[in-house]
Amino acid sequence: MMNEPAKPGNTPRRHGRLGRFLSVVLVLAVLATIGTLAYSIASPVSTDKFTEFYILGLEGNADWYPSMFVLEDGEVVLVHYTSGDLYQEREEGFGRVTLGVVNREQREASYEIEVRIGGSPVDFWLDEEQVARIRPVTLAHGESREFAVAFAPGEVCGLTSLSAPAAEGDTQLAVAAVDHLAAGDYVHLGAPDGGHTEFVQIEAVSLGESTITLKTALVHDHEEDERVAERQKVEFVLYMDGHAYFDDGEAPHLWIDVRPF
């Protein structure tokens, strides 16, 4: 006996149920994908690896940094802190800053910090204790640490003036004196009341002729008697896992003036 063939109306009914089921599955998959994408956009996973290192001034703000020190018998007796055109004096034997480190390396890392003045490492104070370096501090990813440090320069800056005009393109300056100036020093050249000023580095000093040779040519003209004032560079050198984190000359730093009492 032959089976009765299926009625034409049965097949579309079964296909319709299957189609609706597949449509629901597809919609759920799309919604899940959209939800995952939205979460990824809202909560991106950072793969950047770096360390934040910063300097804060008085009161833990990015302001009021030590800018001038006054020495008496080789000891600091007065410190000027500046904020724009404003300044305040403090009778103390050191300049104070706060150094901050934040680990964003995606792993645990060990950090040390050294202070250099004029390119040479110096002892400084960490929480009232004199140290040569902040010894290794291990931070997990995302962890941070701040250090209250104080430092004191031991030598006054050179201060002189031009004994003859200097023109754009010159690399040699005739000055009134070369006391406290040496190769490698940085000097600020210009009139105290404004005008053309520039910051240049000394390549050589001639004691007999009272001249200084610059590493780079001047970019402005300067008149006789304009001031030539040395500035000392205070560098805060960060080490990570035993290696300097910044290239030479790229470490965070301050420029300071050091004057006799």
C-alpha atoms as a PDB file:
ATOM      1  CA  MET A   1       0.000   0.000   0.000  1.00  0.00           C
ATOM      2  CA  MET A   2       1.463   3.319  -0.995  1.00  0.00           C
ATOM      3  CA  ASN A   3       1.875   6.102   1.555  1.00  0.00           C
ATOM      4  CA  GLU A   4      -0.249   9.104   1.008  1.00  0.00           C
ATOM      5  CA  PRO A   5       1.864  12.003  -0.185  1.00  0.00           C
ATOM      6  CA  ALA A   6       2.247  14.919   2.181  1.00  0.00           C
ATOM      7  CA  LYS A   7      -0.201  17.654   1.772  1.00  0.00           C
ATOM      8  CA  PRO A   8       1.209  20.696   0.141  1.00  0.00           C
ATOM      9  CA  GLY A   9       0.206  22.907   3.082  1.00  0.00           C
ATOM     10  CA  ASN A  10       2.323  20.991   5.701  1.00  0.00           C
ATOM     11  CA  THR A  11       5.810  21.894   4.400  1.00  0.00           C
ATOM     12  CA  PRO A  12       5.539  25.715   4.599  1.00  0.00           C
ATOM     13  CA  ARG A  13       4.302  25.377   8.200  1.00  0.00           C
ATOM     14  CA  ARG A  14       7.432  23.423   9.252  1.00  0.00           C
ATOM     15  CA  HIS A  15       9.734  25.759   7.303  1.00  0.00           C
ATOM     16  CA  GLY A  16       8.064  28.774   8.882  1.00  0.00           C
ATOM     17  CA  ARG A  17       8.753  27.494  12.405  1.00  0.00           C
ATOM     18  CA  LEU A  18      12.404  26.789  11.521  1.00  0.00           C
ATOM     19  CA  GLY A  19      12.779  30.210   9.907  1.00  0.00           C
ATOM     20  CA  ARG A  20      11.349  31.968  12.930  1.00  0.00           C
ATOM     21  CA  PHE A  21      13.736  30.035  15.193  1.00  0.00           C
ATOM     22  CA  LEU A  22      16.758  30.942  13.063  1.00  0.00           C
ATOM     23  CA  SER A  23      15.650  34.589  12.955  1.00  0.00           C
ATOM     24  CA  VAL A  24      15.488  34.716  16.765  1.00  0.00           C
ATOM     25  CA  VAL A  25      18.955  33.153  17.020  1.00  0.00           C
ATOM     26  CA  LEU A  26      20.340  35.673  14.515  1.00  0.00           C
ATOM     27  CA  VAL A  27      18.794  38.638  16.338  1.00  0.00           C
ATOM     28  CA  LEU A  28      20.224  37.436  19.658  1.00  0.00           C
ATOM     29  CA  ALA A  29      23.673  37.010  18.089  1.00  0.00           C
ATOM     30  CA  VAL A  30      23.565  40.537  16.626  1.00  0.00           C
ATOM     31  CA  LEU A  31      22.433  42.009  19.955  1.00  0.00           C
ATOM     32  CA  ALA A  32      25.246  40.176  21.754  1.00  0.00           C
ATOM     33  CA  THR A  33      27.784  41.508  19.259  1.00  0.00           C
ATOM     34  CA  ILE A  34      26.497  45.055  19.617  1.00  0.00           C
ATOM     35  CA  GLY A  35      26.605  44.751  23.412  1.00  0.00           C
ATOM     36  CA  THR A  36      30.171  43.472  23.333  1.00  0.00           C
ATOM     37  CA  LEU A  37      31.220  46.283  20.967  1.00  0.00           C
ATOM     38  CA  ALA A  38      29.521  48.920  23.134  1.00  0.00           C
ATOM     39  CA  TYR A  39      31.274  47.578  26.238  1.00  0.00           C
ATOM     40  CA  SER A  40      34.625  47.612  24.440  1.00  0.00           C
ATOM     41  CA  ILE A  41      34.119  51.228  23.410  1.00  0.00           C
ATOM     42  CA  ALA A  42      32.975  52.277  26.873  1.00  0.00           C
ATOM     43  CA  SER A  43      35.713  50.312  28.642  1.00  0.00           C
ATOM     44  CA  PRO A  44      38.722  50.150  26.295  1.00  0.00           C
ATOM     45  CA  VAL A  45      41.661  48.010  27.360  1.00  0.00           C
ATOM     46  CA  SER A  46      44.822  50.091  27.179  1.00  0.00           C
ATOM     47  CA  THR A  47      47.908  48.386  25.819  1.00  0.00           C
ATOM     48  CA  ASP A  48      50.182  51.430  26.096  1.00  0.00           C
ATOM     49  CA  LYS A  49      53.210  50.911  28.329  1.00  0.00           C
ATOM     50  CA  PHE A  50      54.723  53.965  29.995  1.00  0.00           C
ATOM     51  CA  THR A  51      55.576  55.586  33.313  1.00  0.00           C
ATOM     52  CA  GLU A  52      54.296  58.951  34.498  1.00  0.00           C
ATOM     53  CA  PHE A  53      56.947  61.067  36.243  1.00  0.00           C
ATOM     54  CA  TYR A  54      56.165  64.601  37.375  1.00  0.00           C
ATOM     55  CA  ILE A  55      57.367  67.494  39.554  1.00  0.00           C
ATOM     56  CA  LEU A  56      55.064  69.461  41.870  1.00  0.00           C
ATOM     57  CA  GLY A  57      55.869  72.698  43.688  1.00  0.00           C
ATOM     58  CA  LEU A  58      54.730  74.054  47.040  1.00  0.00           C
ATOM     59  CA  GLU A  59      51.482  72.662  48.452  1.00  0.00           C
ATOM     60  CA  GLY A  60      51.658  69.776  45.969  1.00  0.00           C
ATOM     61  CA  ASN A  61      50.563  71.839  42.961  1.00  0.00           C
ATOM     62  CA  ALA A  62      52.092  72.326  39.517  1.00  0.00           C
ATOM     63  CA  ASP A  63      53.097  75.817  40.592  1.00  0.00           C
ATOM     64  CA  TRP A  64      55.410  77.742  42.938  1.00  0.00           C
ATOM     65  CA  TYR A  65      58.699  76.059  42.029  1.00  0.00           C
ATOM     66  CA  PRO A  66      62.057  77.070  43.546  1.00  0.00           C
ATOM     67  CA  SER A  67      63.746  79.416  41.071  1.00  0.00           C
ATOM     68  CA  MET A  68      66.460  81.364  42.935  1.00  0.00           C
ATOM     69  CA  PHE A  69      68.767  80.453  45.825  1.00  0.00           C
ATOM     70  CA  VAL A  70      70.881  82.834  47.911  1.00  0.00           C
ATOM     71  CA  LEU A  71      74.137  81.452  49.345  1.00  0.00           C
ATOM     72  CA  GLU A  72      76.125  82.694  52.330  1.00  0.00           C
ATOM     73  CA  ASP A  73      79.467  80.978  53.029  1.00  0.00           C
ATOM     74  CA  GLY A  74      78.484  78.184  50.665  1.00  0.00           C
ATOM     75  CA  GLU A  75      75.153  77.481  52.403  1.00  0.00           C
ATOM     76  CA  VAL A  76      71.657  78.287  51.162  1.00  0.00           C
ATOM     77  CA  VAL A  77      69.976  80.877  53.391  1.00  0.00           C
ATOM     78  CA  LEU A  78      67.087  82.067  51.201  1.00  0.00           C
ATOM     79  CA  VAL A  79      64.926  80.516  48.487  1.00  0.00           C
ATOM     80  CA  HIS A  80      62.653  82.277  45.988  1.00  0.00           C
ATOM     81  CA  TYR A  81      59.606  80.372  44.734  1.00  0.00           C
ATOM     82  CA  THR A  82      57.883  81.719  41.627  1.00  0.00           C
ATOM     83  CA  SER A  83      54.477  81.469  40.002  1.00  0.00           C
ATOM     84  CA  GLY A  84      54.378  83.408  36.761  1.00  0.00           C
ATOM     85  CA  ASP A  85      55.334  86.986  37.637  1.00  0.00           C
ATOM     86  CA  LEU A  86      54.755  86.397  41.360  1.00  0.00           C
ATOM     87  CA  TYR A  87      57.321  85.198  43.866  1.00  0.00           C
ATOM     88  CA  GLN A  88      57.677  84.485  47.565  1.00  0.00           C
ATOM     89  CA  GLU A  89      60.784  84.208  49.742  1.00  0.00           C
ATOM     90  CA  ARG A  90      61.472  81.583  52.369  1.00  0.00           C
ATOM     91  CA  GLU A  91      64.364  81.617  54.781  1.00  0.00           C
ATOM     92  CA  GLU A  92      65.386  77.970  54.549  1.00  0.00           C
ATOM     93  CA  GLY A  93      68.405  75.952  53.541  1.00  0.00           C
ATOM     94  CA  PHE A  94      66.943  74.071  50.580  1.00  0.00           C
ATOM     95  CA  GLY A  95      64.347  74.146  47.814  1.00  0.00           C
ATOM     96  CA  ARG A  96      61.421  71.778  48.121  1.00  0.00           C
ATOM     97  CA  VAL A  97      59.490  69.838  45.460  1.00  0.00           C
ATOM     98  CA  THR A  98      57.359  66.714  45.256  1.00  0.00           C
ATOM     99  CA  LEU A  99      58.239  63.981  42.752  1.00  0.00           C
ATOM    100  CA  GLY A 100      55.527  61.602  41.568  1.00  0.00           C
ATOM    101  CA  VAL A 101      55.758  58.224  39.805  1.00  0.00           C
ATOM    102  CA  VAL A 102      52.838  56.284  38.299  1.00  0.00           C
ATOM    103  CA  ASN A 103      53.405  52.814  36.831  1.00  0.00           C
ATOM    104  CA  ARG A 104      51.518  52.295  33.531  1.00  0.00           C
ATOM    105  CA  GLU A 105      53.854  49.575  32.260  1.00  0.00           C
ATOM    106  CA  GLN A 106      51.261  46.768  32.338  1.00  0.00           C
ATOM    107  CA  ARG A 107      53.575  44.954  34.759  1.00  0.00           C
ATOM    108  CA  GLU A 108      55.403  45.369  38.048  1.00  0.00           C
ATOM    109  CA  ALA A 109      58.435  47.692  37.882  1.00  0.00           C
ATOM    110  CA  SER A 110      61.149  48.971  40.218  1.00  0.00           C
ATOM    111  CA  TYR A 111      62.046  52.686  40.356  1.00  0.00           C
ATOM    112  CA  GLU A 112      64.911  54.820  41.654  1.00  0.00           C
ATOM    113  CA  ILE A 113      65.436  58.603  41.502  1.00  0.00           C
ATOM    114  CA  GLU A 114      68.639  60.651  41.420  1.00  0.00           C
ATOM    115  CA  VAL A 115      69.078  64.449  41.593  1.00  0.00           C
ATOM    116  CA  ARG A 116      71.727  66.189  39.467  1.00  0.00           C
ATOM    117  CA  ILE A 117      72.786  69.831  39.547  1.00  0.00           C
ATOM    118  CA  GLY A 118      74.922  71.063  36.672  1.00  0.00           C
ATOM    119  CA  GLY A 119      75.122  67.499  35.361  1.00  0.00           C
ATOM    120  CA  SER A 120      76.573  65.985  38.559  1.00  0.00           C
ATOM    121  CA  PRO A 121      74.698  63.804  41.101  1.00  0.00           C
ATOM    122  CA  VAL A 122      74.181  65.485  44.476  1.00  0.00           C
ATOM    123  CA  ASP A 123      72.937  64.416  47.872  1.00  0.00           C
ATOM    124  CA  PHE A 124      69.441  65.606  48.741  1.00  0.00           C
ATOM    125  CA  TRP A 125      66.833  65.195  51.455  1.00  0.00           C
ATOM    126  CA  LEU A 126      64.028  62.661  51.444  1.00  0.00           C
ATOM    127  CA  ASP A 127      61.634  63.100  54.371  1.00  0.00           C
ATOM    128  CA  GLU A 128      64.352  64.929  56.349  1.00  0.00           C
ATOM    129  CA  GLU A 129      66.950  62.205  55.667  1.00  0.00           C
ATOM    130  CA  GLN A 130      69.967  63.001  53.485  1.00  0.00           C
ATOM    131  CA  VAL A 131      70.355  60.474  50.668  1.00  0.00           C
ATOM    132  CA  ALA A 132      72.282  60.048  47.420  1.00  0.00           C
ATOM    133  CA  ARG A 133      69.368  58.371  45.633  1.00  0.00           C
ATOM    134  CA  ILE A 134      65.820  57.185  46.282  1.00  0.00           C
ATOM    135  CA  ARG A 135      66.436  53.475  46.502  1.00  0.00           C
ATOM    136  CA  PRO A 136      64.352  50.900  44.574  1.00  0.00           C
ATOM    137  CA  VAL A 137      60.617  51.205  45.107  1.00  0.00           C
ATOM    138  CA  THR A 138      58.532  48.473  43.490  1.00  0.00           C
ATOM    139  CA  LEU A 139      55.139  49.466  42.068  1.00  0.00           C
ATOM    140  CA  ALA A 140      52.458  47.261  40.542  1.00  0.00           C
ATOM    141  CA  HIS A 141      50.708  48.356  37.360  1.00  0.00           C
ATOM    142  CA  GLY A 142      48.477  51.331  38.171  1.00  0.00           C
ATOM    143  CA  GLU A 143      50.178  51.963  41.510  1.00  0.00           C
ATOM    144  CA  SER A 144      51.708  55.366  42.282  1.00  0.00           C
ATOM    145  CA  ARG A 145      54.020  56.987  44.834  1.00  0.00           C
ATOM    146  CA  GLU A 146      54.992  60.564  45.685  1.00  0.00           C
ATOM    147  CA  PHE A 147      58.223  61.690  47.366  1.00  0.00           C
ATOM    148  CA  ALA A 148      58.804  64.974  49.202  1.00  0.00           C
ATOM    149  CA  VAL A 149      62.399  65.937  48.414  1.00  0.00           C
ATOM    150  CA  ALA A 150      64.609  68.967  49.036  1.00  0.00           C
ATOM    151  CA  PHE A 151      67.856  70.017  47.361  1.00  0.00           C
ATOM    152  CA  ALA A 152      70.471  72.761  47.714  1.00  0.00           C
ATOM    153  CA  PRO A 153      73.018  74.036  45.161  1.00  0.00           C
ATOM    154  CA  GLY A 154      76.543  74.623  46.434  1.00  0.00           C
ATOM    155  CA  GLU A 155      77.936  77.115  43.919  1.00  0.00           C
ATOM    156  CA  VAL A 156      76.799  80.564  42.805  1.00  0.00           C
ATOM    157  CA  CYS A 157      75.977  81.208  39.156  1.00  0.00           C
ATOM    158  CA  GLY A 158      78.162  83.337  36.941  1.00  0.00           C
ATOM    159  CA  LEU A 159      76.869  86.835  36.252  1.00  0.00           C
ATOM    160  CA  THR A 160      78.465  89.270  33.828  1.00  0.00           C
ATOM    161  CA  SER A 161      77.576  91.587  30.921  1.00  0.00           C
ATOM    162  CA  LEU A 162      78.532  92.120  27.317  1.00  0.00           C
ATOM    163  CA  SER A 163      81.556  94.394  26.881  1.00  0.00           C
ATOM    164  CA  ALA A 164      80.781  94.812  23.164  1.00  0.00           C
ATOM    165  CA  PRO A 165      77.683  94.422  20.994  1.00  0.00           C
ATOM    166  CA  ALA A 166      76.881  90.948  19.647  1.00  0.00           C
ATOM    167  CA  ALA A 167      75.132  90.287  16.333  1.00  0.00           C
ATOM    168  CA  GLU A 168      72.861  87.554  15.054  1.00  0.00           C
ATOM    169  CA  GLY A 169      75.010  84.632  13.905  1.00  0.00           C
ATOM    170  CA  ASP A 170      77.890  85.333  16.337  1.00  0.00           C
ATOM    171  CA  THR A 171      79.314  82.434  18.346  1.00  0.00           C
ATOM    172  CA  GLN A 172      81.826  84.411  20.408  1.00  0.00           C
ATOM    173  CA  LEU A 173      80.924  86.998  23.038  1.00  0.00           C
ATOM    174  CA  ALA A 174      83.157  89.611  24.660  1.00  0.00           C
ATOM    175  CA  VAL A 175      82.154  89.910  28.337  1.00  0.00           C
ATOM    176  CA  ALA A 176      83.186  92.009  31.327  1.00  0.00           C
ATOM    177  CA  ALA A 177      84.277  88.967  33.365  1.00  0.00           C
ATOM    178  CA  VAL A 178      84.164  85.176  33.238  1.00  0.00           C
ATOM    179  CA  ASP A 179      84.022  84.416  36.971  1.00  0.00           C
ATOM    180  CA  HIS A 180      82.021  81.260  37.773  1.00  0.00           C
ATOM    181  CA  LEU A 181      81.552  80.494  34.054  1.00  0.00           C
ATOM    182  CA  ALA A 182      82.789  77.266  32.446  1.00  0.00           C
ATOM    183  CA  ALA A 183      82.335  75.109  29.368  1.00  0.00           C
ATOM    184  CA  GLY A 184      78.975  73.335  29.489  1.00  0.00           C
ATOM    185  CA  ASP A 185      77.240  76.095  31.460  1.00  0.00           C
ATOM    186  CA  TYR A 186      73.969  77.563  30.210  1.00  0.00           C
ATOM    187  CA  VAL A 187      73.511  81.338  30.197  1.00  0.00           C
ATOM    188  CA  HIS A 188      70.541  83.610  29.721  1.00  0.00           C
ATOM    189  CA  LEU A 189      71.447  86.528  27.474  1.00  0.00           C
ATOM    190  CA  GLY A 190      69.440  89.717  27.268  1.00  0.00           C
ATOM    191  CA  ALA A 191      68.340  92.933  28.915  1.00  0.00           C
ATOM    192  CA  PRO A 192      66.691  92.519  32.354  1.00  0.00           C
ATOM    193  CA  ASP A 193      63.757  94.739  31.297  1.00  0.00           C
ATOM    194  CA  GLY A 194      62.841  92.616  28.277  1.00  0.00           C
ATOM    195  CA  GLY A 195      63.728  92.866  24.593  1.00  0.00           C
ATOM    196  CA  HIS A 196      65.452  90.048  22.740  1.00  0.00           C
ATOM    197  CA  THR A 197      66.530  87.283  25.115  1.00  0.00           C
ATOM    198  CA  GLU A 198      67.870  83.822  24.457  1.00  0.00           C
ATOM    199  CA  PHE A 199      69.226  80.791  26.263  1.00  0.00           C
ATOM    200  CA  VAL A 200      72.557  79.389  25.048  1.00  0.00           C
ATOM    201  CA  GLN A 201      75.221  76.907  26.141  1.00  0.00           C
ATOM    202  CA  ILE A 202      78.912  77.742  26.527  1.00  0.00           C
ATOM    203  CA  GLU A 203      81.422  75.665  24.560  1.00  0.00           C
ATOM    204  CA  ALA A 204      84.627  77.329  25.823  1.00  0.00           C
ATOM    205  CA  VAL A 205      85.800  80.154  28.091  1.00  0.00           C
ATOM    206  CA  SER A 206      88.902  82.299  27.500  1.00  0.00           C
ATOM    207  CA  LEU A 207      90.168  83.740  30.786  1.00  0.00           C
ATOM    208  CA  GLY A 208      92.844  85.962  29.214  1.00  0.00           C
ATOM    209  CA  GLU A 209      90.564  87.572  26.634  1.00  0.00           C
ATOM    210  CA  SER A 210      87.354  87.526  28.726  1.00  0.00           C
ATOM    211  CA  THR A 211      85.398  85.872  25.934  1.00  0.00           C
ATOM    212  CA  ILE A 212      83.007  82.944  25.814  1.00  0.00           C
ATOM    213  CA  THR A 213      82.411  80.732  22.790  1.00  0.00           C
ATOM    214  CA  LEU A 214      78.907  79.377  22.273  1.00  0.00           C
ATOM    215  CA  LYS A 215      77.863  75.962  20.998  1.00  0.00           C
ATOM    216  CA  THR A 216      75.231  77.535  18.728  1.00  0.00           C
ATOM    217  CA  ALA A 217      75.029  80.904  16.985  1.00  0.00           C
ATOM    218  CA  LEU A 218      72.954  83.758  18.350  1.00  0.00           C
ATOM    219  CA  VAL A 219      69.519  84.289  16.814  1.00  0.00           C
ATOM    220  CA  HIS A 220      69.193  87.949  17.901  1.00  0.00           C
ATOM    221  CA  ASP A 221      71.308  91.111  18.043  1.00  0.00           C
ATOM    222  CA  HIS A 222      72.384  92.221  21.537  1.00  0.00           C
ATOM    223  CA  GLU A 223      73.674  95.552  22.797  1.00  0.00           C
ATOM    224  CA  GLU A 224      76.688  96.322  24.945  1.00  0.00           C
ATOM    225  CA  ASP A 225      76.069  96.026  28.711  1.00  0.00           C
ATOM    226  CA  GLU A 226      73.291  93.467  28.307  1.00  0.00           C
ATOM    227  CA  ARG A 227      73.335  90.908  31.097  1.00  0.00           C
ATOM    228  CA  VAL A 228      74.802  87.414  30.697  1.00  0.00           C
ATOM    229  CA  ALA A 229      73.490  85.278  33.569  1.00  0.00           C
ATOM    230  CA  GLU A 230      74.204  81.611  34.171  1.00  0.00           C
ATOM    231  CA  ARG A 231      71.338  79.238  35.013  1.00  0.00           C
ATOM    232  CA  GLN A 232      71.919  75.905  36.722  1.00  0.00           C
ATOM    233  CA  LYS A 233      69.964  72.878  35.573  1.00  0.00           C
ATOM    234  CA  VAL A 234      68.455  70.672  38.286  1.00  0.00           C
ATOM    235  CA  GLU A 235      67.574  67.271  36.804  1.00  0.00           C
ATOM    236  CA  PHE A 236      65.441  64.592  38.409  1.00  0.00           C
ATOM    237  CA  VAL A 237      66.684  61.362  36.848  1.00  0.00           C
ATOM    238  CA  LEU A 238      64.342  58.366  36.941  1.00  0.00           C
ATOM    239  CA  TYR A 239      65.603  54.785  36.725  1.00  0.00           C
ATOM    240  CA  MET A 240      63.327  51.837  35.954  1.00  0.00           C
ATOM    241  CA  ASP A 241      64.595  48.322  36.643  1.00  0.00           C
ATOM    242  CA  GLY A 242      68.134  49.691  36.908  1.00  0.00           C
ATOM    243  CA  HIS A 243      68.152  51.668  33.633  1.00  0.00           C
ATOM    244  CA  ALA A 244      67.707  55.398  33.013  1.00  0.00           C
ATOM    245  CA  TYR A 245      64.135  55.951  31.840  1.00  0.00           C
ATOM    246  CA  PHE A 246      64.851  59.122  29.830  1.00  0.00           C
ATOM    247  CA  ASP A 247      67.569  59.849  27.282  1.00  0.00           C
ATOM    248  CA  ASP A 248      70.390  62.185  28.304  1.00  0.00           C
ATOM    249  CA  GLY A 249      69.104  65.727  28.663  1.00  0.00           C
ATOM    250  CA  GLU A 250      65.448  64.666  28.533  1.00  0.00           C
ATOM    251  CA  ALA A 251      64.819  64.102  32.265  1.00  0.00           C
ATOM    252  CA  PRO A 252      62.300  66.437  33.966  1.00  0.00           C
ATOM    253  CA  HIS A 253      64.200  69.461  35.294  1.00  0.00           C
ATOM    254  CA  LEU A 254      64.143  72.976  36.723  1.00  0.00           C
ATOM    255  CA  TRP A 255      66.325  75.982  35.871  1.00  0.00           C
ATOM    256  CA  ILE A 256      67.575  77.907  38.909  1.00  0.00           C
ATOM    257  CA  ASP A 257      69.553  81.066  39.613  1.00  0.00           C
ATOM    258  CA  VAL A 258      72.083  80.999  42.484  1.00  0.00           C
ATOM    259  CA  ARG A 259      73.315  84.296  43.912  1.00  0.00           C
ATOM    260  CA  PRO A 260      75.680  85.286  46.738  1.00  0.00           C
ATOM    261  CA  PHE A 261      74.192  86.878  49.871  1.00  0.00           C
END
